[in-house]
Amino acid sequence: MLKVTVEKDLKPLDDLARRAQELDGQLEISIANLLTADFLGQCSRFKSADELFEASGFSVHSAEDFRAIPDAEWDTFISGNTKFANWQDLLSAAVKEWTIKQLGL
């Protein structure tokens, strides 16, 4: 016969629910927190977001600088230097990985 203590067994689920609730809504996450060395190491030759931006040839020192990069040129750089077809695909994967880590999964 299997004995189960429900209260102890549900604690990890309570923790997961709490972390999920903390992520609910809109969050501002820096590019550096999304494009970690681990993430970039899995999909590119870069070790940091700064290294990625530097290699792109675009001057990126602020959010305004980043927004000024033509989308098509940025997507071409991303597809040629990462395993992703474009920036949106890379960003979506980075957000997914960040969320998984925040949830402790």
Protein backbone atom coordinates (compact mmCIF):
# COMPACT_ATOMS: atom_id res chain seq x y z
CA MET A 1 0.00 0.00 0.00
CA LEU A 2 1.26 3.48 -0.91
CA LYS A 3 0.98 6.20 1.71
CA VAL A 4 0.77 9.74 0.43
CA THR A 5 0.90 12.88 2.49
CA VAL A 6 -1.09 15.29 0.38
CA GLU A 7 0.03 18.42 2.18
CA LYS A 8 3.74 17.71 1.58
CA ASP A 9 3.15 16.47 -1.96
CA LEU A 10 1.35 19.69 -2.94
CA LYS A 11 4.03 22.06 -1.64
CA PRO A 12 5.98 22.04 -4.93
CA LEU A 13 2.75 22.78 -6.79
CA ASP A 14 1.98 25.65 -4.43
CA ASP A 15 5.46 27.06 -5.09
CA LEU A 16 4.98 26.70 -8.84
CA ALA A 17 1.59 28.43 -8.65
CA ARG A 18 3.10 31.29 -6.64
CA ARG A 19 5.93 31.76 -9.16
CA ALA A 20 3.47 31.63 -12.05
CA GLN A 21 1.31 34.28 -10.41
CA GLU A 22 4.38 36.51 -10.01
CA LEU A 23 4.90 36.29 -13.79
CA ASP A 24 1.29 37.14 -14.62
CA GLY A 25 0.81 40.36 -16.55
CA GLN A 26 3.28 42.50 -18.43
CA LEU A 27 6.87 42.42 -17.30
CA GLU A 28 9.87 44.41 -18.41
CA ILE A 29 12.84 42.12 -18.89
CA SER A 30 16.17 43.44 -20.05
CA ILE A 31 17.78 42.01 -23.17
CA ALA A 32 20.78 41.02 -21.02
CA ASN A 33 18.50 38.92 -18.78
CA LEU A 34 16.97 37.21 -21.80
CA LEU A 35 20.08 36.75 -23.91
CA THR A 36 22.17 35.00 -21.32
CA ALA A 37 25.48 33.29 -22.03
CA ASP A 38 23.75 29.92 -21.67
CA PHE A 39 21.00 30.80 -24.12
CA LEU A 40 23.29 32.40 -26.69
CA GLY A 41 25.75 29.53 -26.35
CA GLN A 42 23.02 27.11 -27.42
CA CYS A 43 22.02 29.05 -30.51
CA SER A 44 25.04 31.09 -31.62
CA ARG A 45 28.73 31.75 -31.21
CA PHE A 46 28.10 34.74 -28.94
CA LYS A 47 28.57 34.84 -25.18
CA SER A 48 26.57 37.98 -24.41
CA ALA A 49 24.02 40.38 -25.85
CA ASP A 50 26.77 43.01 -26.08
CA GLU A 51 28.91 40.65 -28.15
CA LEU A 52 25.95 39.92 -30.44
CA PHE A 53 25.26 43.64 -30.96
CA GLU A 54 28.94 44.43 -31.51
CA ALA A 55 29.27 41.72 -34.17
CA SER A 56 26.16 43.02 -35.95
CA GLY A 57 27.91 46.20 -37.02
CA PHE A 58 25.07 48.31 -35.65
CA SER A 59 25.76 50.83 -32.92
CA VAL A 60 23.49 49.79 -30.04
CA HIS A 61 23.95 51.79 -26.85
CA SER A 62 20.31 52.46 -26.04
CA ALA A 63 16.80 51.24 -26.73
CA GLU A 64 16.48 54.03 -29.30
CA ASP A 65 19.58 52.76 -31.12
CA PHE A 66 18.10 49.28 -31.22
CA ARG A 67 14.74 50.50 -32.51
CA ALA A 68 16.55 52.40 -35.29
CA ILE A 69 17.98 49.19 -36.82
CA PRO A 70 16.03 48.27 -39.96
CA ASP A 71 14.04 45.11 -39.22
CA ALA A 72 15.03 43.33 -42.43
CA GLU A 73 18.75 43.93 -41.84
CA TRP A 74 18.52 42.79 -38.22
CA ASP A 75 16.60 39.65 -39.21
CA THR A 76 19.24 38.91 -41.87
CA PHE A 77 21.98 39.22 -39.25
CA ILE A 78 20.09 37.00 -36.80
CA SER A 79 19.38 34.30 -39.40
CA GLY A 80 23.02 34.29 -40.53
CA ASN A 81 24.50 34.17 -37.03
CA THR A 82 22.10 32.13 -34.93
CA LYS A 83 19.97 29.03 -35.35
CA PHE A 84 16.87 31.24 -35.65
CA ALA A 85 15.24 32.50 -38.84
CA ASN A 86 14.64 36.00 -37.44
CA TRP A 87 14.71 38.19 -34.34
CA GLN A 88 11.15 37.35 -33.29
CA ASP A 89 11.92 33.62 -33.27
CA LEU A 90 15.07 34.20 -31.20
CA LEU A 91 13.26 36.51 -28.80
CA SER A 92 10.35 34.08 -28.37
CA ALA A 93 12.75 31.24 -27.55
CA ALA A 94 14.64 33.45 -25.08
CA VAL A 95 11.41 34.46 -23.31
CA LYS A 96 10.34 30.82 -23.14
CA GLU A 97 13.66 29.77 -21.60
CA TRP A 98 13.60 32.70 -19.15
CA THR A 99 10.03 31.81 -18.09
CA ILE A 100 10.94 28.16 -17.53
CA LYS A 101 13.83 29.22 -15.30
CA GLN A 102 11.64 31.65 -13.37
CA LEU A 103 9.12 28.88 -12.75
CA GLY A 104 11.90 26.61 -11.50
CA LEU A 105 11.19 23.91 -14.07
